[in-house]
Amino acid sequence: MSEPLIRRLGELPAAEPDIRRTEHIRKRCHARLARQQRRSLVSKMPTSERMAPVWQSAIAVLGFVYLTQVILIALAVYGLT
């Protein structure tokens, strides 16, 4: 390197970390790690456990529809509709 460049580089102030930026980066990193951990826990669950609430809801809805139809048919048979 040339001598003037080295002198100019020597005149630069020492770099100091920005505390606000450091805290911001730390919070972002912690948030991302927490998200990844939650995702990994969900992905470790078997598919049947993840789908259980969906199946339970679907069965409940189908049961309600079936029961409603049975009642409507019974009312129609007895002429009450």
Protein backbone atom coordinates (compact mmCIF):
# COMPACT_ATOMS: atom_id res chain seq x y z
CA MET A 1 0.00 0.00 0.00
CA SER A 2 1.07 3.52 -0.50
CA GLU A 3 2.31 5.63 2.39
CA PRO A 4 -0.45 8.30 2.15
CA LEU A 5 -3.15 5.64 2.21
CA ILE A 6 -1.69 4.02 5.30
CA ARG A 7 -1.51 7.44 7.03
CA ARG A 8 -5.15 8.18 6.16
CA LEU A 9 -6.23 4.79 7.43
CA GLY A 10 -4.34 5.44 10.66
CA GLU A 11 -6.28 8.68 11.15
CA LEU A 12 -9.65 6.94 11.08
CA PRO A 13 -11.39 6.61 14.46
CA ALA A 14 -11.52 3.20 16.07
CA ALA A 15 -14.68 1.26 15.31
CA GLU A 16 -16.99 0.86 18.28
CA PRO A 17 -20.07 -1.36 18.31
CA ASP A 18 -23.45 0.36 18.23
CA ILE A 19 -25.32 -0.84 21.32
CA ARG A 20 -28.80 -0.28 19.84
CA ARG A 21 -27.93 -2.16 16.69
CA THR A 22 -26.40 -4.99 18.70
CA GLU A 23 -29.56 -5.34 20.81
CA HIS A 24 -31.75 -5.21 17.70
CA ILE A 25 -29.76 -7.97 16.02
CA ARG A 26 -29.76 -10.06 19.20
CA LYS A 27 -33.57 -9.80 19.48
CA ARG A 28 -34.02 -10.76 15.83
CA CYS A 29 -31.73 -13.76 16.26
CA HIS A 30 -33.54 -14.94 19.39
CA ALA A 31 -36.92 -14.56 17.68
CA ARG A 32 -35.74 -16.54 14.66
CA LEU A 33 -34.27 -19.30 16.82
CA ALA A 34 -37.54 -19.53 18.77
CA ARG A 35 -39.52 -19.80 15.50
CA GLN A 36 -37.22 -22.53 14.22
CA GLN A 37 -37.53 -24.41 17.49
CA ARG A 38 -41.35 -24.27 17.35
CA ARG A 39 -41.30 -25.44 13.73
CA SER A 40 -39.00 -28.32 14.54
CA LEU A 41 -41.25 -29.40 17.41
CA VAL A 42 -44.30 -29.36 15.13
CA SER A 43 -42.48 -31.23 12.38
CA LYS A 44 -41.36 -33.89 14.88
CA MET A 45 -44.98 -34.63 15.75
CA PRO A 46 -46.40 -37.52 13.76
CA THR A 47 -48.81 -36.51 11.03
CA SER A 48 -51.67 -38.31 12.77
CA GLU A 49 -51.27 -36.09 15.86
CA ARG A 50 -51.23 -32.93 13.76
CA MET A 51 -54.34 -34.03 11.86
CA ALA A 52 -56.33 -35.23 14.91
CA PRO A 53 -58.14 -31.91 15.50
CA VAL A 54 -59.12 -31.74 11.83
CA TRP A 55 -60.53 -35.26 11.84
CA GLN A 56 -62.35 -34.71 15.13
CA SER A 57 -64.02 -31.58 13.78
CA ALA A 58 -64.95 -33.30 10.51
CA ILE A 59 -66.49 -36.24 12.36
CA ALA A 60 -68.46 -33.91 14.63
CA VAL A 61 -69.85 -31.98 11.64
CA LEU A 62 -70.78 -35.17 9.79
CA GLY A 63 -72.46 -36.54 12.93
CA PHE A 64 -74.49 -33.36 13.29
CA VAL A 65 -75.58 -33.47 9.65
CA TYR A 66 -76.51 -37.16 9.95
CA LEU A 67 -78.53 -36.60 13.10
CA THR A 68 -80.33 -33.64 11.53
CA GLN A 69 -81.29 -35.74 8.50
CA VAL A 70 -82.52 -38.60 10.69
CA ILE A 71 -84.75 -36.20 12.63
CA LEU A 72 -86.07 -34.65 9.39
CA ILE A 73 -86.85 -38.08 7.93
CA ALA A 74 -88.60 -39.16 11.16
CA LEU A 75 -90.70 -36.01 11.15
CA ALA A 76 -91.58 -36.58 7.48
CA VAL A 77 -92.60 -40.21 8.19
CA TYR A 78 -94.98 -39.10 10.96
CA GLY A 79 -96.27 -36.21 8.87
CA LEU A 80 -95.09 -33.52 11.26
CA THR A 81 -93.27 -31.38 8.71
